[in-house]
Amino acid sequence: MNKTDMNNNNINNTMNNTDMDNKDKGFKSSYSKGQRILALLGLILIAILLIALLWNSLTGGDPRVSIALLFCLIVVPCVLYGFRLYVDYTVRKHSDKSDK
């Protein structure tokens, strides 16, 4: 066994020990189960809208439908993100007032 093989074995052992430590501790997400489910549903909805837009474009569907799908894909997520920022800001501002 040469020096390179010994180094590779040490690296593999270290990686395996780290993996074992992480499994023992368990993975704890910073998001709740409900948030993860909603995020997955949002991604599925976006995928469905993209497929519908592609289908409508390739089959020569009504242009108004394409515009509506683009609106749903671009504007609605931006508005939801802005709403989330606003809520986070007001909650943080409210909690700062209660701390004083």
C-alpha atoms as a PDB file:
ATOM      1  CA  MET A   1       0.000   0.000   0.000  1.00  0.00           C
ATOM      2  CA  ASN A   2       1.513   3.308  -1.041  1.00  0.00           C
ATOM      3  CA  LYS A   3       1.149   6.718   0.547  1.00  0.00           C
ATOM      4  CA  THR A   4      -1.640   7.825  -1.842  1.00  0.00           C
ATOM      5  CA  ASP A   5      -3.759   4.790  -0.979  1.00  0.00           C
ATOM      6  CA  MET A   6      -3.315   5.480   2.724  1.00  0.00           C
ATOM      7  CA  ASN A   7      -4.387   9.121   2.253  1.00  0.00           C
ATOM      8  CA  ASN A   8      -7.466   8.038   0.264  1.00  0.00           C
ATOM      9  CA  ASN A   9      -8.402   5.560   2.998  1.00  0.00           C
ATOM     10  CA  ASN A  10      -8.067   8.276   5.650  1.00  0.00           C
ATOM     11  CA  ILE A  11     -10.234  10.641   3.609  1.00  0.00           C
ATOM     12  CA  ASN A  12     -12.875   7.958   3.050  1.00  0.00           C
ATOM     13  CA  ASN A  13     -12.896   7.059   6.748  1.00  0.00           C
ATOM     14  CA  THR A  14     -13.252  10.720   7.689  1.00  0.00           C
ATOM     15  CA  MET A  15     -16.126  11.178   5.231  1.00  0.00           C
ATOM     16  CA  ASN A  16     -17.861   8.043   6.481  1.00  0.00           C
ATOM     17  CA  ASN A  17     -17.499   9.176  10.098  1.00  0.00           C
ATOM     18  CA  THR A  18     -18.935  12.593   9.221  1.00  0.00           C
ATOM     19  CA  ASP A  19     -21.864  10.969   7.433  1.00  0.00           C
ATOM     20  CA  MET A  20     -22.464   8.731  10.429  1.00  0.00           C
ATOM     21  CA  ASP A  21     -22.373  11.714  12.780  1.00  0.00           C
ATOM     22  CA  ASN A  22     -24.954  13.545  10.650  1.00  0.00           C
ATOM     23  CA  LYS A  23     -27.220  10.500  10.594  1.00  0.00           C
ATOM     24  CA  ASP A  24     -26.971  10.143  14.342  1.00  0.00           C
ATOM     25  CA  LYS A  25     -27.851  13.780  14.899  1.00  0.00           C
ATOM     26  CA  GLY A  26     -30.629  13.702  12.316  1.00  0.00           C
ATOM     27  CA  PHE A  27     -31.340  16.379   9.757  1.00  0.00           C
ATOM     28  CA  LYS A  28     -33.358  19.255  11.139  1.00  0.00           C
ATOM     29  CA  SER A  29     -34.800  21.620   8.552  1.00  0.00           C
ATOM     30  CA  SER A  30     -35.366  25.253   9.383  1.00  0.00           C
ATOM     31  CA  TYR A  31     -38.710  25.085   7.572  1.00  0.00           C
ATOM     32  CA  SER A  32     -41.843  23.474   8.926  1.00  0.00           C
ATOM     33  CA  LYS A  33     -43.436  20.497   7.216  1.00  0.00           C
ATOM     34  CA  GLY A  34     -46.282  22.684   6.005  1.00  0.00           C
ATOM     35  CA  GLN A  35     -43.874  25.154   4.408  1.00  0.00           C
ATOM     36  CA  ARG A  36     -42.047  22.352   2.605  1.00  0.00           C
ATOM     37  CA  ILE A  37     -45.341  20.917   1.311  1.00  0.00           C
ATOM     38  CA  LEU A  38     -46.470  24.346   0.079  1.00  0.00           C
ATOM     39  CA  ALA A  39     -43.126  24.881  -1.656  1.00  0.00           C
ATOM     40  CA  LEU A  40     -43.442  21.522  -3.400  1.00  0.00           C
ATOM     41  CA  LEU A  41     -47.012  22.315  -4.466  1.00  0.00           C
ATOM     42  CA  GLY A  42     -45.813  25.682  -5.787  1.00  0.00           C
ATOM     43  CA  LEU A  43     -43.102  24.017  -7.852  1.00  0.00           C
ATOM     44  CA  ILE A  44     -45.613  21.529  -9.247  1.00  0.00           C
ATOM     45  CA  LEU A  45     -47.976  24.380 -10.141  1.00  0.00           C
ATOM     46  CA  ILE A  46     -45.178  26.263 -11.910  1.00  0.00           C
ATOM     47  CA  ALA A  47     -44.260  23.122 -13.859  1.00  0.00           C
ATOM     48  CA  ILE A  48     -47.886  22.624 -14.910  1.00  0.00           C
ATOM     49  CA  LEU A  49     -48.156  26.257 -16.022  1.00  0.00           C
ATOM     50  CA  LEU A  50     -44.938  25.968 -18.031  1.00  0.00           C
ATOM     51  CA  ILE A  51     -46.156  22.804 -19.744  1.00  0.00           C
ATOM     52  CA  ALA A  52     -49.499  24.467 -20.506  1.00  0.00           C
ATOM     53  CA  LEU A  53     -47.711  27.505 -21.957  1.00  0.00           C
ATOM     54  CA  LEU A  54     -45.513  25.289 -24.095  1.00  0.00           C
ATOM     55  CA  TRP A  55     -48.494  23.257 -25.283  1.00  0.00           C
ATOM     56  CA  ASN A  56     -50.503  26.386 -26.075  1.00  0.00           C
ATOM     57  CA  SER A  57     -47.598  27.896 -27.990  1.00  0.00           C
ATOM     58  CA  LEU A  58     -46.809  24.789 -30.003  1.00  0.00           C
ATOM     59  CA  THR A  59     -50.409  24.016 -30.939  1.00  0.00           C
ATOM     60  CA  GLY A  60     -51.205  27.596 -31.944  1.00  0.00           C
ATOM     61  CA  GLY A  61     -53.669  28.298 -29.194  1.00  0.00           C
ATOM     62  CA  ASP A  62     -55.296  31.588 -28.327  1.00  0.00           C
ATOM     63  CA  PRO A  63     -52.712  34.311 -27.655  1.00  0.00           C
ATOM     64  CA  ARG A  64     -54.800  35.609 -24.747  1.00  0.00           C
ATOM     65  CA  VAL A  65     -54.317  32.267 -22.989  1.00  0.00           C
ATOM     66  CA  SER A  66     -50.542  32.548 -23.474  1.00  0.00           C
ATOM     67  CA  ILE A  67     -50.581  36.040 -21.972  1.00  0.00           C
ATOM     68  CA  ALA A  68     -52.635  34.798 -19.021  1.00  0.00           C
ATOM     69  CA  LEU A  69     -50.203  31.929 -18.441  1.00  0.00           C
ATOM     70  CA  LEU A  70     -47.223  34.301 -18.617  1.00  0.00           C
ATOM     71  CA  PHE A  71     -48.966  36.580 -16.126  1.00  0.00           C
ATOM     72  CA  CYS A  72     -49.453  33.653 -13.754  1.00  0.00           C
ATOM     73  CA  LEU A  73     -45.821  32.604 -14.154  1.00  0.00           C
ATOM     74  CA  ILE A  74     -44.256  36.050 -13.661  1.00  0.00           C
ATOM     75  CA  VAL A  75     -46.485  38.519 -11.839  1.00  0.00           C
ATOM     76  CA  VAL A  76     -48.205  36.293  -9.290  1.00  0.00           C
ATOM     77  CA  PRO A  77     -44.967  34.908  -7.735  1.00  0.00           C
ATOM     78  CA  CYS A  78     -43.521  38.446  -7.598  1.00  0.00           C
ATOM     79  CA  VAL A  79     -46.605  39.736  -5.781  1.00  0.00           C
ATOM     80  CA  LEU A  80     -46.512  36.819  -3.336  1.00  0.00           C
ATOM     81  CA  TYR A  81     -42.822  37.453  -2.666  1.00  0.00           C
ATOM     82  CA  GLY A  82     -43.493  41.147  -2.068  1.00  0.00           C
ATOM     83  CA  PHE A  83     -46.341  40.256   0.285  1.00  0.00           C
ATOM     84  CA  ARG A  84     -44.000  37.938   2.207  1.00  0.00           C
ATOM     85  CA  LEU A  85     -41.379  40.676   2.494  1.00  0.00           C
ATOM     86  CA  TYR A  86     -44.012  43.112   3.756  1.00  0.00           C
ATOM     87  CA  VAL A  87     -45.310  40.652   6.354  1.00  0.00           C
ATOM     88  CA  ASP A  88     -41.787  39.800   7.542  1.00  0.00           C
ATOM     89  CA  TYR A  89     -40.974  43.515   7.836  1.00  0.00           C
ATOM     90  CA  THR A  90     -44.133  44.335   9.794  1.00  0.00           C
ATOM     91  CA  VAL A  91     -43.726  41.339  12.110  1.00  0.00           C
ATOM     92  CA  ARG A  92     -40.092  42.252  12.783  1.00  0.00           C
ATOM     93  CA  LYS A  93     -41.046  45.913  13.317  1.00  0.00           C
ATOM     94  CA  HIS A  94     -43.813  44.870  15.694  1.00  0.00           C
ATOM     95  CA  SER A  95     -41.491  42.576  17.654  1.00  0.00           C
ATOM     96  CA  ASP A  96     -38.893  45.380  17.930  1.00  0.00           C
ATOM     97  CA  LYS A  97     -41.525  47.638  19.532  1.00  0.00           C
ATOM     98  CA  SER A  98     -42.535  44.956  22.016  1.00  0.00           C
ATOM     99  CA  ASP A  99     -38.911  44.403  23.065  1.00  0.00           C
ATOM    100  CA  LYS A 100     -38.599  48.008  24.304  1.00  0.00           C
END
